[in-house]
Amino acid sequence: MSTETKEKIEQATQILKQIAEDTSVPRNIRRAANEAIEILHGGEGTPAVRAANAISILDEASQDPNCPLHARTKIWNAVSILETIQD
């Protein structure tokens, strides 16, 4: 895995940790952020596959009508970073 890819995963992880630690965000959204972090750092699949799996979870969370705007914006930021990861 290239250093650039590692940096992107780390950037996305930092954003997702902010969401996961924010108590004003509903529990299911925080759970989705934690799940995405686990997927990104898990050893299964290439970095691009892990990013795609995390994006899928985050996209679903961002569609939740209970998701606060600030959390949705952070989710979109993380997704845009993850979308640039390629094999």
C-alpha atoms as a PDB file:
ATOM      1  CA  MET A   1       0.000   0.000   0.000  1.00  0.00           C
ATOM      2  CA  SER A   2       1.402   3.376  -1.004  1.00  0.00           C
ATOM      3  CA  THR A   3       2.039   6.176   1.467  1.00  0.00           C
ATOM      4  CA  GLU A   4      -0.520   8.321  -0.321  1.00  0.00           C
ATOM      5  CA  THR A   5      -3.193   5.665   0.204  1.00  0.00           C
ATOM      6  CA  LYS A   6      -2.236   5.304   3.869  1.00  0.00           C
ATOM      7  CA  GLU A   7      -2.515   9.077   4.326  1.00  0.00           C
ATOM      8  CA  LYS A   8      -5.969   9.138   2.717  1.00  0.00           C
ATOM      9  CA  ILE A   9      -7.193   6.312   4.938  1.00  0.00           C
ATOM     10  CA  GLU A  10      -5.778   8.115   7.972  1.00  0.00           C
ATOM     11  CA  GLN A  11      -7.483  11.402   6.978  1.00  0.00           C
ATOM     12  CA  ALA A  12     -10.832   9.660   6.540  1.00  0.00           C
ATOM     13  CA  THR A  13     -10.341   7.821   9.838  1.00  0.00           C
ATOM     14  CA  GLN A  14      -9.747  11.096  11.701  1.00  0.00           C
ATOM     15  CA  ILE A  15     -12.971  12.556  10.307  1.00  0.00           C
ATOM     16  CA  LEU A  16     -14.914   9.403  11.173  1.00  0.00           C
ATOM     17  CA  LYS A  17     -13.503   9.378  14.717  1.00  0.00           C
ATOM     18  CA  GLN A  18     -14.844  12.914  15.196  1.00  0.00           C
ATOM     19  CA  ILE A  19     -18.306  11.660  14.235  1.00  0.00           C
ATOM     20  CA  ALA A  20     -18.011   8.541  16.408  1.00  0.00           C
ATOM     21  CA  GLU A  21     -17.048  10.607  19.475  1.00  0.00           C
ATOM     22  CA  ASP A  22     -19.725  13.293  19.007  1.00  0.00           C
ATOM     23  CA  THR A  23     -22.548  12.607  21.461  1.00  0.00           C
ATOM     24  CA  SER A  24     -24.925  14.924  19.579  1.00  0.00           C
ATOM     25  CA  VAL A  25     -24.903  12.432  16.690  1.00  0.00           C
ATOM     26  CA  PRO A  26     -27.438   9.564  16.894  1.00  0.00           C
ATOM     27  CA  ARG A  27     -26.060   6.202  17.979  1.00  0.00           C
ATOM     28  CA  ASN A  28     -26.706   4.456  14.652  1.00  0.00           C
ATOM     29  CA  ILE A  29     -24.650   7.086  12.780  1.00  0.00           C
ATOM     30  CA  ARG A  30     -21.789   6.779  15.292  1.00  0.00           C
ATOM     31  CA  ARG A  31     -21.975   2.992  14.944  1.00  0.00           C
ATOM     32  CA  ALA A  32     -21.728   3.319  11.144  1.00  0.00           C
ATOM     33  CA  ALA A  33     -18.666   5.561  11.511  1.00  0.00           C
ATOM     34  CA  ASN A  34     -17.002   2.993  13.793  1.00  0.00           C
ATOM     35  CA  GLU A  35     -17.893   0.201  11.372  1.00  0.00           C
ATOM     36  CA  ALA A  36     -16.329   2.120   8.489  1.00  0.00           C
ATOM     37  CA  ILE A  37     -13.152   2.675  10.541  1.00  0.00           C
ATOM     38  CA  GLU A  38     -12.943  -1.060  11.277  1.00  0.00           C
ATOM     39  CA  ILE A  39     -13.391  -1.904   7.604  1.00  0.00           C
ATOM     40  CA  LEU A  40     -10.711   0.584   6.534  1.00  0.00           C
ATOM     41  CA  HIS A  41      -8.182  -0.843   8.969  1.00  0.00           C
ATOM     42  CA  GLY A  42      -9.191  -4.485   8.532  1.00  0.00           C
ATOM     43  CA  GLY A  43      -6.957  -6.694   6.431  1.00  0.00           C
ATOM     44  CA  GLU A  44      -9.654  -7.992   4.082  1.00  0.00           C
ATOM     45  CA  GLY A  45      -9.296  -6.977   0.438  1.00  0.00           C
ATOM     46  CA  THR A  46      -7.324  -4.293  -1.318  1.00  0.00           C
ATOM     47  CA  PRO A  47      -7.427  -0.687  -0.064  1.00  0.00           C
ATOM     48  CA  ALA A  48      -9.844   0.241  -2.877  1.00  0.00           C
ATOM     49  CA  VAL A  49     -12.234  -2.591  -1.927  1.00  0.00           C
ATOM     50  CA  ARG A  50     -12.105  -1.618   1.751  1.00  0.00           C
ATOM     51  CA  ALA A  51     -12.738   2.024   0.811  1.00  0.00           C
ATOM     52  CA  ALA A  52     -15.717   1.020  -1.356  1.00  0.00           C
ATOM     53  CA  ASN A  53     -17.188  -1.050   1.496  1.00  0.00           C
ATOM     54  CA  ALA A  54     -16.748   1.855   3.925  1.00  0.00           C
ATOM     55  CA  ILE A  55     -18.321   4.264   1.410  1.00  0.00           C
ATOM     56  CA  SER A  56     -21.347   1.986   1.144  1.00  0.00           C
ATOM     57  CA  ILE A  57     -21.900   2.070   4.914  1.00  0.00           C
ATOM     58  CA  LEU A  58     -21.325   5.814   5.129  1.00  0.00           C
ATOM     59  CA  ASP A  59     -23.633   6.552   2.212  1.00  0.00           C
ATOM     60  CA  GLU A  60     -26.431   4.707   3.954  1.00  0.00           C
ATOM     61  CA  ALA A  61     -25.762   6.617   7.193  1.00  0.00           C
ATOM     62  CA  SER A  62     -25.779   9.975   5.404  1.00  0.00           C
ATOM     63  CA  GLN A  63     -29.238   9.184   3.980  1.00  0.00           C
ATOM     64  CA  ASP A  64     -30.669   8.843   7.494  1.00  0.00           C
ATOM     65  CA  PRO A  65     -33.134  11.696   8.136  1.00  0.00           C
ATOM     66  CA  ASN A  66     -31.966  11.862  11.768  1.00  0.00           C
ATOM     67  CA  CYS A  67     -28.372  12.585  10.745  1.00  0.00           C
ATOM     68  CA  PRO A  68     -27.425  16.135  11.825  1.00  0.00           C
ATOM     69  CA  LEU A  69     -26.139  18.436   9.085  1.00  0.00           C
ATOM     70  CA  HIS A  70     -22.661  18.800  10.586  1.00  0.00           C
ATOM     71  CA  ALA A  71     -22.269  15.007  10.753  1.00  0.00           C
ATOM     72  CA  ARG A  72     -23.581  14.582   7.212  1.00  0.00           C
ATOM     73  CA  THR A  73     -21.033  17.110   5.944  1.00  0.00           C
ATOM     74  CA  LYS A  74     -18.215  15.239   7.704  1.00  0.00           C
ATOM     75  CA  ILE A  75     -19.438  11.953   6.251  1.00  0.00           C
ATOM     76  CA  TRP A  76     -19.399  13.460   2.767  1.00  0.00           C
ATOM     77  CA  ASN A  77     -15.856  14.756   3.364  1.00  0.00           C
ATOM     78  CA  ALA A  78     -14.703  11.283   4.395  1.00  0.00           C
ATOM     79  CA  VAL A  79     -16.462   9.699   1.411  1.00  0.00           C
ATOM     80  CA  SER A  80     -14.849  12.139  -1.027  1.00  0.00           C
ATOM     81  CA  ILE A  81     -11.404  11.267   0.355  1.00  0.00           C
ATOM     82  CA  LEU A  82     -12.144   7.526   0.164  1.00  0.00           C
ATOM     83  CA  GLU A  83     -13.397   7.797  -3.404  1.00  0.00           C
ATOM     84  CA  THR A  84      -9.909   8.807  -4.547  1.00  0.00           C
ATOM     85  CA  ILE A  85      -8.356   5.546  -3.325  1.00  0.00           C
ATOM     86  CA  GLN A  86      -7.427   3.254  -6.187  1.00  0.00           C
ATOM     87  CA  ASP A  87      -5.458   0.028  -6.498  1.00  0.00           C
END
